[in-house]
């Protein structure tokens, strides 16, 4: 997946998002952010979601990707 046009701060936040191992840790991290940073993270989540949708080539790909967005799924 490639997302272009990001700022250094957005890349830093995405790297942090990718490094977190589970949903509980992710939500704890996100809850501790400032409102502005949380809004940025929300936007980045949407960018990742749409970038993944662009890469779907079959139903099994869709199921795998959507599984990660279910409550309790891995981030």
Protein backbone atom coordinates (compact mmCIF):
# COMPACT_ATOMS: atom_id res chain seq x y z
CA UNK A 1 0.00 0.00 0.00
CA UNK A 2 1.22 3.47 -0.84
CA UNK A 3 -0.20 6.73 0.44
CA UNK A 4 1.46 9.79 -1.05
CA UNK A 5 1.48 13.44 -0.03
CA UNK A 6 1.83 12.89 3.72
CA UNK A 7 3.64 15.25 6.06
CA UNK A 8 6.52 14.02 8.24
CA UNK A 9 4.17 14.15 11.23
CA UNK A 10 1.57 12.01 9.47
CA UNK A 11 4.25 9.47 8.52
CA UNK A 12 5.42 9.41 12.15
CA UNK A 13 1.87 8.77 13.35
CA UNK A 14 1.28 6.04 10.76
CA UNK A 15 4.53 4.35 11.81
CA UNK A 16 3.32 4.43 15.41
CA UNK A 17 -0.09 3.07 14.39
CA UNK A 18 1.57 0.17 12.53
CA UNK A 19 3.84 -0.64 15.47
CA UNK A 20 0.99 -1.21 17.94
CA UNK A 21 0.21 -4.90 18.40
CA UNK A 22 -3.47 -5.02 19.37
CA UNK A 23 -6.72 -3.11 19.50
CA UNK A 24 -6.62 -2.51 23.27
CA UNK A 25 -3.11 -1.05 23.10
CA UNK A 26 -4.12 1.01 20.06
CA UNK A 27 -7.22 2.44 21.71
CA UNK A 28 -5.27 3.23 24.89
CA UNK A 29 -2.62 5.05 22.86
CA UNK A 30 -5.24 6.93 20.86
CA UNK A 31 -7.21 7.96 23.97
CA UNK A 32 -4.09 9.67 25.33
CA UNK A 33 -3.66 11.92 22.29
CA UNK A 34 -4.60 15.57 22.09
CA UNK A 35 -7.81 16.35 20.22
CA UNK A 36 -5.88 17.71 17.23
CA UNK A 37 -3.65 14.63 17.02
CA UNK A 38 -6.63 12.31 17.48
CA UNK A 39 -8.36 14.06 14.57
CA UNK A 40 -5.25 13.52 12.45
CA UNK A 41 -5.15 9.84 13.43
CA UNK A 42 -8.86 9.51 12.55
CA UNK A 43 -8.11 10.94 9.10
CA UNK A 44 -5.15 8.61 8.66
CA UNK A 45 -7.34 5.62 9.60
CA UNK A 46 -9.71 6.61 6.82
CA UNK A 47 -6.85 7.02 4.32
CA UNK A 48 -5.59 3.54 5.17
CA UNK A 49 -9.08 2.11 4.87
CA UNK A 50 -9.60 3.61 1.41
CA UNK A 51 -6.10 2.65 0.25
CA UNK A 52 -6.81 -0.94 1.27
CA UNK A 53 -10.13 -0.91 -0.56
CA UNK A 54 -8.30 0.20 -3.71
CA UNK A 55 -6.13 -2.94 -3.46
CA UNK A 56 -8.97 -5.49 -3.17
CA UNK A 57 -8.85 -7.98 -6.01
CA UNK A 58 -11.20 -10.70 -4.75
CA UNK A 59 -13.73 -11.55 -2.04
CA UNK A 60 -11.13 -13.23 0.18
CA UNK A 61 -9.05 -10.03 0.13
CA UNK A 62 -12.13 -8.04 1.17
CA UNK A 63 -12.90 -10.43 4.03
CA UNK A 64 -9.30 -10.28 5.28
CA UNK A 65 -9.20 -6.49 5.21
CA UNK A 66 -12.61 -5.96 6.77
CA UNK A 67 -11.79 -8.41 9.57
CA UNK A 68 -9.21 -5.91 10.81
CA UNK A 69 -11.86 -3.22 11.14
CA UNK A 70 -14.27 -5.24 13.25
CA UNK A 71 -14.49 -4.45 16.93
CA UNK A 72 -11.82 -6.54 18.60
CA UNK A 73 -9.91 -7.14 15.36
CA UNK A 74 -6.24 -6.39 14.93
CA UNK A 75 -5.18 -2.94 13.85
